[in-house]
Amino acid sequence: MFTGIVEELGEVTAVENLGDASRFRLRGPVVTDGAKHGDSIAVNGVCLTVVEHEGDEFTADVMAETLNRSSLGALGVGSRVNLERPTAVGDRLGGHIVQGHVDGTGAVLERKPSENWEIIKISLPADLARYVVEKGSITVDGISLTVVEAGPDFFTVSLIPTTLALTTLGLKQPGDPVNLEVDIVAKYVERLLATTRGAAR
């Protein structure tokens, strides 16, 4: 489990095409400190497993399902990525509960800079819109954010200078894809209500 509090802005150093999968090598001095084979690291909000670890780099295999359902397939050598290690039991939950299981992708629609923050508008797949509410939580490229406005096919978030400086959202331009993970609590509530209504019939 993750919290959506990005630990560092890492970099893709190599991509190997394995046919029905890809192997990524990524640099991240913070998240590789003490890392070992089998550990989990969230890369742009996608939970990946460490295959190898050497120095400040690690490799991870990404299967076709993940490449198709996330924006990882668009990454290349030199791409910057948000990195986060799983939260430890007893640590503060600074963001919200993030599984690292991407629900879909959106795209940056527009950026509106202000003196001390920036509003970013992001497209929202129709099948995810029901889980996104004003002032609710959403994960964008692994970043725990608060929804400012929730539309039928978009939402907006307001970013402080720290988020702009330390995450990929400071670099994304209109048209760039982003990974989206909606609040898991909303999905459980939906499932519970559907089961309850079904039992009442």
N, C-alpha and C. Protein backbone atom coordinates (compact mmCIF):
# COMPACT_ATOMS: atom_id res chain seq x y z
N MET A 1 0.84 -1.19 0.00
CA MET A 1 0.00 0.00 0.00
C MET A 1 0.88 1.25 0.00
N PHE A 2 0.43 2.27 -0.72
CA PHE A 2 1.15 3.52 -0.81
C PHE A 2 0.25 4.65 -0.28
N THR A 3 0.82 5.84 -0.19
CA THR A 3 0.02 6.96 0.30
C THR A 3 -0.11 8.08 -0.72
N GLY A 4 0.60 7.97 -1.84
CA GLY A 4 0.53 9.02 -2.85
C GLY A 4 1.40 10.22 -2.54
N ILE A 5 2.32 10.06 -1.58
CA ILE A 5 3.28 11.11 -1.28
C ILE A 5 4.59 10.73 -1.98
N VAL A 6 4.86 11.36 -3.10
CA VAL A 6 6.02 11.02 -3.93
C VAL A 6 7.31 11.29 -3.17
N GLU A 7 8.22 10.30 -3.18
CA GLU A 7 9.48 10.46 -2.46
C GLU A 7 10.56 11.12 -3.29
N GLU A 8 10.53 10.87 -4.59
CA GLU A 8 11.52 11.52 -5.44
C GLU A 8 11.11 11.44 -6.90
N LEU A 9 11.70 12.33 -7.68
CA LEU A 9 11.50 12.36 -9.12
C LEU A 9 12.65 11.57 -9.73
N GLY A 10 12.33 10.36 -10.22
CA GLY A 10 13.35 9.49 -10.78
C GLY A 10 13.44 9.63 -12.29
N GLU A 11 14.21 8.72 -12.91
CA GLU A 11 14.43 8.80 -14.35
C GLU A 11 14.54 7.40 -14.96
N VAL A 12 13.95 7.21 -16.12
CA VAL A 12 14.10 5.97 -16.87
C VAL A 12 15.47 5.98 -17.55
N THR A 13 16.30 4.97 -17.30
CA THR A 13 17.63 4.92 -17.90
C THR A 13 17.74 3.88 -19.01
N ALA A 14 16.79 2.95 -19.09
CA ALA A 14 16.81 1.96 -20.17
C ALA A 14 15.44 1.30 -20.26
N VAL A 15 15.06 0.93 -21.49
CA VAL A 15 13.82 0.20 -21.74
C VAL A 15 14.14 -0.95 -22.69
N GLU A 16 13.81 -2.18 -22.28
CA GLU A 16 14.06 -3.35 -23.10
C GLU A 16 12.72 -3.98 -23.49
N ASN A 17 12.50 -4.15 -24.80
CA ASN A 17 11.28 -4.76 -25.30
C ASN A 17 11.40 -6.27 -25.19
N LEU A 18 10.48 -6.89 -24.44
CA LEU A 18 10.51 -8.33 -24.24
C LEU A 18 9.39 -9.03 -25.01
N GLY A 19 8.86 -8.37 -26.01
CA GLY A 19 7.76 -8.96 -26.78
C GLY A 19 6.42 -8.64 -26.18
N ASP A 20 5.98 -9.46 -25.23
CA ASP A 20 4.69 -9.21 -24.57
C ASP A 20 4.87 -8.50 -23.24
N ALA A 21 6.03 -7.91 -23.05
CA ALA A 21 6.33 -7.16 -21.82
C ALA A 21 7.51 -6.22 -22.09
N SER A 22 7.82 -5.41 -21.11
CA SER A 22 8.98 -4.52 -21.20
C SER A 22 9.73 -4.56 -19.88
N ARG A 23 11.03 -4.39 -19.95
CA ARG A 23 11.84 -4.29 -18.74
C ARG A 23 12.38 -2.87 -18.65
N PHE A 24 12.06 -2.20 -17.55
CA PHE A 24 12.51 -0.83 -17.33
C PHE A 24 13.66 -0.81 -16.33
N ARG A 25 14.65 0.02 -16.61
CA ARG A 25 15.67 0.33 -15.61
C ARG A 25 15.44 1.78 -15.21
N LEU A 26 15.36 2.01 -13.90
CA LEU A 26 15.04 3.33 -13.40
C LEU A 26 16.04 3.77 -12.33
N ARG A 27 16.34 5.05 -12.31
CA ARG A 27 17.25 5.61 -11.33
C ARG A 27 16.46 6.34 -10.26
N GLY A 28 16.78 6.02 -8.98
CA GLY A 28 16.13 6.69 -7.86
C GLY A 28 16.90 6.42 -6.59
N PRO A 29 17.84 7.30 -6.23
CA PRO A 29 18.69 7.07 -5.06
C PRO A 29 17.93 6.88 -3.75
N VAL A 30 16.81 7.56 -3.59
CA VAL A 30 16.05 7.47 -2.34
C VAL A 30 15.35 6.12 -2.23
N VAL A 31 14.59 5.74 -3.27
CA VAL A 31 13.78 4.52 -3.18
C VAL A 31 14.63 3.25 -3.28
N THR A 32 15.84 3.36 -3.81
CA THR A 32 16.70 2.17 -3.92
C THR A 32 17.54 1.95 -2.66
N ASP A 33 17.51 2.89 -1.74
CA ASP A 33 18.27 2.74 -0.50
C ASP A 33 17.69 1.57 0.31
N GLY A 34 18.42 0.49 0.37
CA GLY A 34 17.95 -0.68 1.10
C GLY A 34 17.04 -1.59 0.30
N ALA A 35 16.83 -1.28 -0.98
CA ALA A 35 15.94 -2.09 -1.81
C ALA A 35 16.54 -3.46 -2.09
N LYS A 36 15.64 -4.43 -2.27
CA LYS A 36 16.09 -5.79 -2.59
C LYS A 36 15.10 -6.43 -3.55
N HIS A 37 15.52 -7.54 -4.13
CA HIS A 37 14.69 -8.27 -5.08
C HIS A 37 13.32 -8.60 -4.45
N GLY A 38 12.26 -8.30 -5.20
CA GLY A 38 10.92 -8.60 -4.72
C GLY A 38 10.21 -7.44 -4.04
N ASP A 39 10.96 -6.38 -3.74
CA ASP A 39 10.32 -5.21 -3.13
C ASP A 39 9.40 -4.52 -4.13
N SER A 40 8.45 -3.76 -3.62
CA SER A 40 7.54 -2.99 -4.46
C SER A 40 7.94 -1.52 -4.46
N ILE A 41 7.85 -0.91 -5.63
CA ILE A 41 8.07 0.53 -5.78
C ILE A 41 7.02 1.04 -6.76
N ALA A 42 6.34 2.11 -6.40
CA ALA A 42 5.35 2.70 -7.29
C ALA A 42 6.06 3.63 -8.27
N VAL A 43 5.79 3.39 -9.55
CA VAL A 43 6.37 4.21 -10.63
C VAL A 43 5.21 4.90 -11.36
N ASN A 44 5.12 6.21 -11.20
CA ASN A 44 3.97 6.96 -11.74
C ASN A 44 2.65 6.34 -11.31
N GLY A 45 2.63 5.84 -10.08
CA GLY A 45 1.39 5.30 -9.52
C GLY A 45 1.15 3.84 -9.81
N VAL A 46 2.08 3.18 -10.53
CA VAL A 46 1.93 1.76 -10.84
C VAL A 46 2.86 0.96 -9.93
N CYS A 47 2.29 0.03 -9.18
CA CYS A 47 3.10 -0.80 -8.28
C CYS A 47 3.90 -1.80 -9.10
N LEU A 48 5.24 -1.69 -9.06
CA LEU A 48 6.12 -2.59 -9.79
C LEU A 48 7.02 -3.34 -8.81
N THR A 49 7.49 -4.50 -9.23
CA THR A 49 8.35 -5.34 -8.39
C THR A 49 9.80 -5.21 -8.82
N VAL A 50 10.66 -5.00 -7.86
CA VAL A 50 12.10 -4.88 -8.13
C VAL A 50 12.63 -6.25 -8.56
N VAL A 51 13.22 -6.30 -9.77
CA VAL A 51 13.83 -7.53 -10.27
C VAL A 51 15.31 -7.54 -9.91
N GLU A 52 15.99 -6.44 -10.21
CA GLU A 52 17.41 -6.29 -9.87
C GLU A 52 17.63 -4.91 -9.28
N HIS A 53 18.66 -4.82 -8.46
CA HIS A 53 19.00 -3.55 -7.83
C HIS A 53 20.51 -3.41 -7.80
N GLU A 54 21.00 -2.31 -8.37
CA GLU A 54 22.44 -2.06 -8.37
C GLU A 54 22.67 -0.56 -8.24
N GLY A 55 23.38 -0.17 -7.19
CA GLY A 55 23.63 1.24 -6.96
C GLY A 55 22.33 1.99 -6.73
N ASP A 56 22.14 3.06 -7.48
CA ASP A 56 20.91 3.84 -7.32
C ASP A 56 19.89 3.53 -8.43
N GLU A 57 20.03 2.35 -9.06
CA GLU A 57 19.10 1.95 -10.10
C GLU A 57 18.45 0.61 -9.79
N PHE A 58 17.26 0.41 -10.34
CA PHE A 58 16.58 -0.88 -10.21
C PHE A 58 15.87 -1.20 -11.52
N THR A 59 15.62 -2.48 -11.75
CA THR A 59 14.87 -2.88 -12.93
C THR A 59 13.55 -3.49 -12.50
N ALA A 60 12.56 -3.36 -13.38
CA ALA A 60 11.23 -3.91 -13.12
C ALA A 60 10.61 -4.35 -14.44
N ASP A 61 9.96 -5.51 -14.42
CA ASP A 61 9.28 -6.01 -15.60
C ASP A 61 7.83 -5.52 -15.60
N VAL A 62 7.37 -5.09 -16.77
CA VAL A 62 6.00 -4.58 -16.90
C VAL A 62 5.29 -5.40 -17.97
N MET A 63 4.25 -6.13 -17.58
CA MET A 63 3.54 -6.99 -18.52
C MET A 63 2.62 -6.18 -19.43
N ALA A 64 2.14 -6.82 -20.50
CA ALA A 64 1.32 -6.15 -21.50
C ALA A 64 0.06 -5.52 -20.90
N GLU A 65 -0.57 -6.21 -19.95
CA GLU A 65 -1.79 -5.68 -19.31
C GLU A 65 -1.52 -4.32 -18.69
N THR A 66 -0.40 -4.20 -17.99
CA THR A 66 -0.05 -2.93 -17.35
C THR A 66 0.30 -1.87 -18.38
N LEU A 67 1.03 -2.25 -19.41
CA LEU A 67 1.39 -1.31 -20.47
C LEU A 67 0.13 -0.78 -21.17
N ASN A 68 -0.86 -1.65 -21.34
CA ASN A 68 -2.09 -1.25 -22.04
C ASN A 68 -3.00 -0.40 -21.17
N ARG A 69 -2.97 -0.60 -19.87
CA ARG A 69 -3.91 0.09 -18.98
C ARG A 69 -3.32 1.33 -18.32
N SER A 70 -2.03 1.56 -18.54
CA SER A 70 -1.37 2.71 -17.92
C SER A 70 -0.59 3.49 -18.97
N SER A 71 0.05 4.56 -18.53
CA SER A 71 0.85 5.38 -19.45
C SER A 71 2.31 4.94 -19.47
N LEU A 72 2.65 3.83 -18.81
CA LEU A 72 4.05 3.41 -18.76
C LEU A 72 4.59 3.07 -20.15
N GLY A 73 3.71 2.63 -21.04
CA GLY A 73 4.15 2.30 -22.39
C GLY A 73 4.66 3.49 -23.16
N ALA A 74 4.32 4.70 -22.71
CA ALA A 74 4.76 5.91 -23.40
C ALA A 74 6.11 6.41 -22.88
N LEU A 75 6.65 5.73 -21.85
CA LEU A 75 7.93 6.17 -21.29
C LEU A 75 9.10 5.73 -22.17
N GLY A 76 10.13 6.55 -22.18
CA GLY A 76 11.35 6.21 -22.90
C GLY A 76 12.55 6.62 -22.06
N VAL A 77 13.72 6.36 -22.57
CA VAL A 77 14.94 6.73 -21.86
C VAL A 77 14.95 8.25 -21.64
N GLY A 78 15.19 8.64 -20.41
CA GLY A 78 15.20 10.06 -20.07
C GLY A 78 13.89 10.56 -19.47
N SER A 79 12.81 9.76 -19.59
CA SER A 79 11.53 10.17 -19.00
C SER A 79 11.65 10.28 -17.49
N ARG A 80 11.05 11.32 -16.92
CA ARG A 80 11.03 11.48 -15.47
C ARG A 80 9.80 10.78 -14.91
N VAL A 81 9.96 10.18 -13.75
CA VAL A 81 8.87 9.40 -13.13
C VAL A 81 8.79 9.68 -11.64
N ASN A 82 7.57 9.59 -11.11
CA ASN A 82 7.34 9.71 -9.68
C ASN A 82 7.60 8.37 -9.02
N LEU A 83 8.37 8.36 -7.94
CA LEU A 83 8.72 7.13 -7.25
C LEU A 83 8.30 7.19 -5.79
N GLU A 84 7.77 6.06 -5.30
CA GLU A 84 7.38 5.97 -3.89
C GLU A 84 7.51 4.53 -3.43
N ARG A 85 8.09 4.34 -2.25
CA ARG A 85 8.11 3.01 -1.63
C ARG A 85 6.83 2.79 -0.84
N PRO A 86 6.46 1.53 -0.60
CA PRO A 86 5.24 1.26 0.19
C PRO A 86 5.36 1.87 1.59
N THR A 87 4.23 2.24 2.14
CA THR A 87 4.24 2.77 3.49
C THR A 87 4.45 1.64 4.50
N ALA A 88 5.15 1.94 5.56
CA ALA A 88 5.37 0.94 6.61
C ALA A 88 4.25 1.01 7.64
N VAL A 89 3.94 -0.13 8.23
CA VAL A 89 2.91 -0.17 9.27
C VAL A 89 3.30 0.76 10.41
N GLY A 90 2.39 1.64 10.78
CA GLY A 90 2.67 2.58 11.86
C GLY A 90 3.10 3.94 11.38
N ASP A 91 3.44 4.07 10.06
CA ASP A 91 3.81 5.37 9.52
C ASP A 91 2.57 6.26 9.38
N ARG A 92 2.81 7.56 9.30
CA ARG A 92 1.72 8.49 9.06
C ARG A 92 1.18 8.29 7.65
N LEU A 93 -0.14 8.39 7.50
CA LEU A 93 -0.77 8.29 6.19
C LEU A 93 -0.95 9.71 5.67
N GLY A 94 0.11 10.22 5.01
CA GLY A 94 0.12 11.62 4.62
C GLY A 94 -0.84 11.96 3.49
N GLY A 95 -1.10 10.99 2.60
CA GLY A 95 -2.01 11.24 1.48
C GLY A 95 -3.32 10.53 1.72
N HIS A 96 -3.57 9.46 0.93
CA HIS A 96 -4.73 8.59 1.16
C HIS A 96 -4.32 7.18 0.75
N ILE A 97 -5.20 6.22 0.93
CA ILE A 97 -4.87 4.83 0.62
C ILE A 97 -4.75 4.66 -0.90
N VAL A 98 -3.54 4.32 -1.35
CA VAL A 98 -3.26 4.14 -2.77
C VAL A 98 -2.74 2.71 -2.96
N GLN A 99 -3.36 1.97 -3.87
CA GLN A 99 -2.97 0.58 -4.08
C GLN A 99 -1.85 0.42 -5.11
N GLY A 100 -1.72 1.38 -5.99
CA GLY A 100 -0.77 1.21 -7.08
C GLY A 100 -1.36 0.41 -8.22
N HIS A 101 -2.70 0.30 -8.25
CA HIS A 101 -3.43 -0.40 -9.30
C HIS A 101 -4.16 0.64 -10.14
N VAL A 102 -3.60 0.99 -11.26
CA VAL A 102 -4.16 2.06 -12.09
C VAL A 102 -5.52 1.66 -12.66
N ASP A 103 -6.50 2.57 -12.55
CA ASP A 103 -7.84 2.31 -13.05
C ASP A 103 -8.00 2.73 -14.51
N GLY A 104 -7.17 3.64 -14.96
CA GLY A 104 -7.26 4.14 -16.33
C GLY A 104 -6.31 5.31 -16.51
N THR A 105 -6.38 5.88 -17.70
CA THR A 105 -5.52 7.03 -17.97
C THR A 105 -6.36 8.23 -18.39
N GLY A 106 -5.82 9.39 -18.11
CA GLY A 106 -6.41 10.64 -18.58
C GLY A 106 -5.33 11.41 -19.31
N ALA A 107 -5.63 12.65 -19.66
CA ALA A 107 -4.64 13.49 -20.31
C ALA A 107 -4.76 14.90 -19.77
N VAL A 108 -3.66 15.58 -19.68
CA VAL A 108 -3.68 16.98 -19.27
C VAL A 108 -4.39 17.78 -20.35
N LEU A 109 -5.42 18.52 -19.97
CA LEU A 109 -6.18 19.32 -20.91
C LEU A 109 -5.69 20.76 -20.95
N GLU A 110 -5.44 21.33 -19.78
CA GLU A 110 -4.93 22.70 -19.74
C GLU A 110 -4.32 23.00 -18.39
N ARG A 111 -3.47 24.02 -18.37
CA ARG A 111 -2.82 24.48 -17.15
C ARG A 111 -3.12 25.97 -16.98
N LYS A 112 -3.49 26.34 -15.77
CA LYS A 112 -3.77 27.75 -15.48
C LYS A 112 -2.88 28.18 -14.32
N PRO A 113 -1.74 28.82 -14.62
CA PRO A 113 -0.84 29.24 -13.55
C PRO A 113 -1.37 30.45 -12.80
N SER A 114 -1.04 30.49 -11.51
CA SER A 114 -1.35 31.62 -10.67
C SER A 114 -0.05 32.03 -9.98
N GLU A 115 -0.12 33.01 -9.12
CA GLU A 115 1.10 33.49 -8.48
C GLU A 115 1.72 32.44 -7.56
N ASN A 116 0.88 31.71 -6.82
CA ASN A 116 1.41 30.76 -5.83
C ASN A 116 0.94 29.32 -6.03
N TRP A 117 0.16 29.06 -7.06
CA TRP A 117 -0.28 27.69 -7.32
C TRP A 117 -0.67 27.59 -8.78
N GLU A 118 -1.07 26.39 -9.19
CA GLU A 118 -1.47 26.19 -10.58
C GLU A 118 -2.64 25.20 -10.62
N ILE A 119 -3.62 25.53 -11.44
CA ILE A 119 -4.76 24.64 -11.64
C ILE A 119 -4.51 23.81 -12.90
N ILE A 120 -4.65 22.50 -12.78
CA ILE A 120 -4.49 21.62 -13.93
C ILE A 120 -5.81 20.88 -14.17
N LYS A 121 -6.27 20.92 -15.42
CA LYS A 121 -7.48 20.23 -15.83
C LYS A 121 -7.10 18.94 -16.54
N ILE A 122 -7.71 17.82 -16.13
CA ILE A 122 -7.34 16.50 -16.63
C ILE A 122 -8.60 15.78 -17.12
N SER A 123 -8.49 15.13 -18.27
CA SER A 123 -9.63 14.37 -18.79
C SER A 123 -9.88 13.15 -17.92
N LEU A 124 -11.14 12.71 -17.90
CA LEU A 124 -11.55 11.63 -17.02
C LEU A 124 -12.38 10.61 -17.81
N PRO A 125 -11.95 9.34 -17.88
CA PRO A 125 -12.74 8.33 -18.58
C PRO A 125 -14.14 8.23 -17.99
N ALA A 126 -15.13 8.00 -18.86
CA ALA A 126 -16.53 7.99 -18.42
C ALA A 126 -16.79 6.97 -17.33
N ASP A 127 -16.12 5.81 -17.38
CA ASP A 127 -16.40 4.77 -16.39
C ASP A 127 -15.79 5.06 -15.03
N LEU A 128 -15.00 6.11 -14.92
CA LEU A 128 -14.41 6.47 -13.62
C LEU A 128 -15.06 7.71 -13.01
N ALA A 129 -15.84 8.42 -13.80
CA ALA A 129 -16.38 9.71 -13.36
C ALA A 129 -17.21 9.58 -12.08
N ARG A 130 -17.93 8.47 -11.92
CA ARG A 130 -18.81 8.32 -10.74
C ARG A 130 -18.03 8.21 -9.43
N TYR A 131 -16.74 7.91 -9.51
CA TYR A 131 -15.93 7.78 -8.29
C TYR A 131 -15.24 9.07 -7.89
N VAL A 132 -15.35 10.10 -8.72
CA VAL A 132 -14.60 11.35 -8.49
C VAL A 132 -15.57 12.43 -8.03
N VAL A 133 -15.32 12.98 -6.85
CA VAL A 133 -16.20 14.00 -6.29
C VAL A 133 -15.38 15.20 -5.83
N GLU A 134 -16.02 16.35 -5.82
CA GLU A 134 -15.38 17.57 -5.35
C GLU A 134 -14.87 17.39 -3.92
N LYS A 135 -13.64 17.75 -3.70
CA LYS A 135 -12.94 17.65 -2.42
C LYS A 135 -12.59 16.21 -2.04
N GLY A 136 -12.84 15.28 -2.96
CA GLY A 136 -12.44 13.90 -2.73
C GLY A 136 -10.99 13.69 -3.13
N SER A 137 -10.49 12.47 -2.95
CA SER A 137 -9.10 12.15 -3.28
C SER A 137 -9.02 11.41 -4.60
N ILE A 138 -7.94 11.67 -5.34
CA ILE A 138 -7.63 10.94 -6.56
C ILE A 138 -6.11 10.87 -6.69
N THR A 139 -5.64 9.81 -7.32
CA THR A 139 -4.21 9.65 -7.53
C THR A 139 -3.89 9.90 -9.00
N VAL A 140 -3.00 10.85 -9.25
CA VAL A 140 -2.59 11.20 -10.61
C VAL A 140 -1.09 10.94 -10.73
N ASP A 141 -0.71 9.98 -11.57
CA ASP A 141 0.70 9.61 -11.70
C ASP A 141 1.34 9.30 -10.35
N GLY A 142 0.53 8.69 -9.47
CA GLY A 142 1.05 8.31 -8.16
C GLY A 142 1.02 9.39 -7.12
N ILE A 143 0.44 10.54 -7.44
CA ILE A 143 0.39 11.68 -6.51
C ILE A 143 -1.00 11.77 -5.89
N SER A 144 -1.08 11.77 -4.59
CA SER A 144 -2.35 11.93 -3.90
C SER A 144 -2.78 13.40 -3.98
N LEU A 145 -3.93 13.64 -4.61
CA LEU A 145 -4.39 15.01 -4.81
C LEU A 145 -5.86 15.15 -4.41
N THR A 146 -6.26 16.38 -4.13
CA THR A 146 -7.64 16.70 -3.81
C THR A 146 -8.32 17.29 -5.03
N VAL A 147 -9.49 16.76 -5.35
CA VAL A 147 -10.24 17.24 -6.51
C VAL A 147 -10.84 18.61 -6.19
N VAL A 148 -10.61 19.56 -7.07
CA VAL A 148 -11.20 20.89 -6.92
C VAL A 148 -12.57 20.93 -7.58
N GLU A 149 -12.63 20.53 -8.84
CA GLU A 149 -13.89 20.49 -9.59
C GLU A 149 -14.02 19.12 -10.25
N ALA A 150 -15.20 18.53 -10.17
CA ALA A 150 -15.45 17.24 -10.78
C ALA A 150 -16.51 17.39 -11.86
N GLY A 151 -16.12 17.27 -13.13
CA GLY A 151 -17.05 17.37 -14.24
C GLY A 151 -17.42 15.99 -14.75
N PRO A 152 -18.26 15.90 -15.78
CA PRO A 152 -18.67 14.60 -16.32
C PRO A 152 -17.55 13.86 -17.03
N ASP A 153 -16.58 14.60 -17.56
CA ASP A 153 -15.48 13.97 -18.29
C ASP A 153 -14.13 14.64 -18.01
N PHE A 154 -14.07 15.33 -16.88
CA PHE A 154 -12.82 15.99 -16.48
C PHE A 154 -12.84 16.26 -14.99
N PHE A 155 -11.67 16.59 -14.45
CA PHE A 155 -11.58 17.10 -13.09
C PHE A 155 -10.41 18.06 -13.04
N THR A 156 -10.37 18.88 -12.01
CA THR A 156 -9.24 19.80 -11.84
C THR A 156 -8.61 19.59 -10.48
N VAL A 157 -7.33 19.88 -10.41
CA VAL A 157 -6.58 19.84 -9.15
C VAL A 157 -5.76 21.11 -9.04
N SER A 158 -5.53 21.55 -7.82
CA SER A 158 -4.72 22.73 -7.56
C SER A 158 -3.39 22.30 -6.97
N LEU A 159 -2.30 22.73 -7.59
CA LEU A 159 -0.98 22.27 -7.18
C LEU A 159 -0.15 23.39 -6.56
N ILE A 160 0.45 23.08 -5.41
CA ILE A 160 1.33 24.02 -4.74
C ILE A 160 2.73 23.95 -5.38
N PRO A 161 3.58 24.94 -5.16
CA PRO A 161 4.92 24.94 -5.76
C PRO A 161 5.72 23.69 -5.47
N THR A 162 5.60 23.11 -4.27
CA THR A 162 6.36 21.90 -3.94
C THR A 162 5.99 20.75 -4.86
N THR A 163 4.68 20.56 -5.10
CA THR A 163 4.24 19.49 -5.99
C THR A 163 4.72 19.73 -7.41
N LEU A 164 4.68 20.97 -7.85
CA LEU A 164 5.15 21.30 -9.20
C LEU A 164 6.65 21.05 -9.35
N ALA A 165 7.40 21.32 -8.30
CA ALA A 165 8.86 21.19 -8.37
C ALA A 165 9.35 19.76 -8.21
N LEU A 166 8.60 18.94 -7.44
CA LEU A 166 9.11 17.62 -7.07
C LEU A 166 8.40 16.44 -7.73
N THR A 167 7.46 16.71 -8.64
CA THR A 167 6.75 15.62 -9.30
C THR A 167 6.65 15.88 -10.80
N THR A 168 6.18 14.85 -11.51
CA THR A 168 6.04 14.97 -12.96
C THR A 168 4.98 15.98 -13.38
N LEU A 169 4.07 16.34 -12.49
CA LEU A 169 3.03 17.29 -12.87
C LEU A 169 3.58 18.69 -13.11
N GLY A 170 4.78 18.94 -12.66
CA GLY A 170 5.43 20.20 -12.98
C GLY A 170 5.94 20.22 -14.41
N LEU A 171 6.03 19.05 -15.04
CA LEU A 171 6.58 18.91 -16.39
C LEU A 171 5.53 18.62 -17.45
N LYS A 172 4.40 18.06 -17.04
CA LYS A 172 3.38 17.64 -18.00
C LYS A 172 2.79 18.83 -18.75
N GLN A 173 2.56 18.62 -20.05
CA GLN A 173 1.96 19.63 -20.90
C GLN A 173 0.64 19.12 -21.47
N PRO A 174 -0.24 20.02 -21.95
CA PRO A 174 -1.50 19.58 -22.54
C PRO A 174 -1.28 18.48 -23.59
N GLY A 175 -2.06 17.42 -23.44
CA GLY A 175 -1.94 16.27 -24.33
C GLY A 175 -1.17 15.13 -23.71
N ASP A 176 -0.36 15.39 -22.68
CA ASP A 176 0.43 14.33 -22.05
C ASP A 176 -0.47 13.41 -21.23
N PRO A 177 -0.24 12.09 -21.30
CA PRO A 177 -1.07 11.15 -20.54
C PRO A 177 -0.66 11.08 -19.08
N VAL A 178 -1.62 10.73 -18.23
CA VAL A 178 -1.36 10.53 -16.80
C VAL A 178 -2.13 9.30 -16.33
N ASN A 179 -1.57 8.60 -15.35
CA ASN A 179 -2.24 7.46 -14.74
C ASN A 179 -3.21 7.93 -13.68
N LEU A 180 -4.36 7.27 -13.61
CA LEU A 180 -5.39 7.63 -12.64
C LEU A 180 -5.77 6.43 -11.79
N GLU A 181 -5.84 6.64 -10.50
CA GLU A 181 -6.38 5.64 -9.58
C GLU A 181 -7.40 6.34 -8.69
N VAL A 182 -8.64 5.90 -8.76
CA VAL A 182 -9.68 6.52 -7.95
C VAL A 182 -9.62 5.97 -6.53
N ASP A 183 -10.34 6.61 -5.64
CA ASP A 183 -10.35 6.23 -4.23
C ASP A 183 -10.95 4.83 -4.07
N ILE A 184 -10.20 3.91 -3.51
CA ILE A 184 -10.65 2.53 -3.34
C ILE A 184 -11.89 2.46 -2.45
N VAL A 185 -12.03 3.39 -1.52
CA VAL A 185 -13.19 3.39 -0.63
C VAL A 185 -14.47 3.56 -1.44
N ALA A 186 -14.43 4.43 -2.46
CA ALA A 186 -15.61 4.66 -3.29
C ALA A 186 -16.02 3.39 -4.02
N LYS A 187 -15.06 2.63 -4.49
CA LYS A 187 -15.37 1.39 -5.21
C LYS A 187 -15.96 0.34 -4.28
N TYR A 188 -15.45 0.26 -3.05
CA TYR A 188 -16.00 -0.70 -2.09
C TYR A 188 -17.43 -0.33 -1.69
N VAL A 189 -17.66 0.97 -1.50
CA VAL A 189 -19.01 1.43 -1.15
C VAL A 189 -19.99 1.09 -2.26
N GLU A 190 -19.60 1.33 -3.52
CA GLU A 190 -20.45 1.01 -4.65
C GLU A 190 -20.79 -0.48 -4.67
N ARG A 191 -19.78 -1.32 -4.47
CA ARG A 191 -19.99 -2.77 -4.49
C ARG A 191 -20.91 -3.21 -3.35
N LEU A 192 -20.70 -2.64 -2.17
CA LEU A 192 -21.51 -2.99 -1.00
C LEU A 192 -22.96 -2.60 -1.22
N LEU A 193 -23.20 -1.39 -1.76
CA LEU A 193 -24.57 -0.93 -1.99
C LEU A 193 -25.26 -1.79 -3.04
N ALA A 194 -24.51 -2.18 -4.09
CA ALA A 194 -25.10 -3.03 -5.13
C ALA A 194 -25.49 -4.38 -4.56
N THR A 195 -24.65 -4.93 -3.69
CA THR A 195 -24.94 -6.23 -3.06
C THR A 195 -26.14 -6.13 -2.14
N THR A 196 -26.21 -5.02 -1.39
CA THR A 196 -27.31 -4.80 -0.46
C THR A 196 -28.64 -4.65 -1.20
N ARG A 197 -28.62 -3.89 -2.29
CA ARG A 197 -29.85 -3.70 -3.08
C ARG A 197 -30.30 -5.03 -3.71
N GLY A 198 -29.32 -5.83 -4.16
CA GLY A 198 -29.64 -7.12 -4.76
C GLY A 198 -30.29 -8.05 -3.74
N ALA A 199 -29.79 -8.04 -2.49
CA ALA A 199 -30.34 -8.91 -1.44
C ALA A 199 -31.73 -8.48 -1.01
N ALA A 200 -32.03 -7.18 -1.17
CA ALA A 200 -33.32 -6.65 -0.73
C ALA A 200 -34.44 -6.97 -1.71
N ARG A 201 -34.07 -7.36 -2.94
CA ARG A 201 -35.10 -7.64 -3.95
C ARG A 201 -35.78 -8.98 -3.71
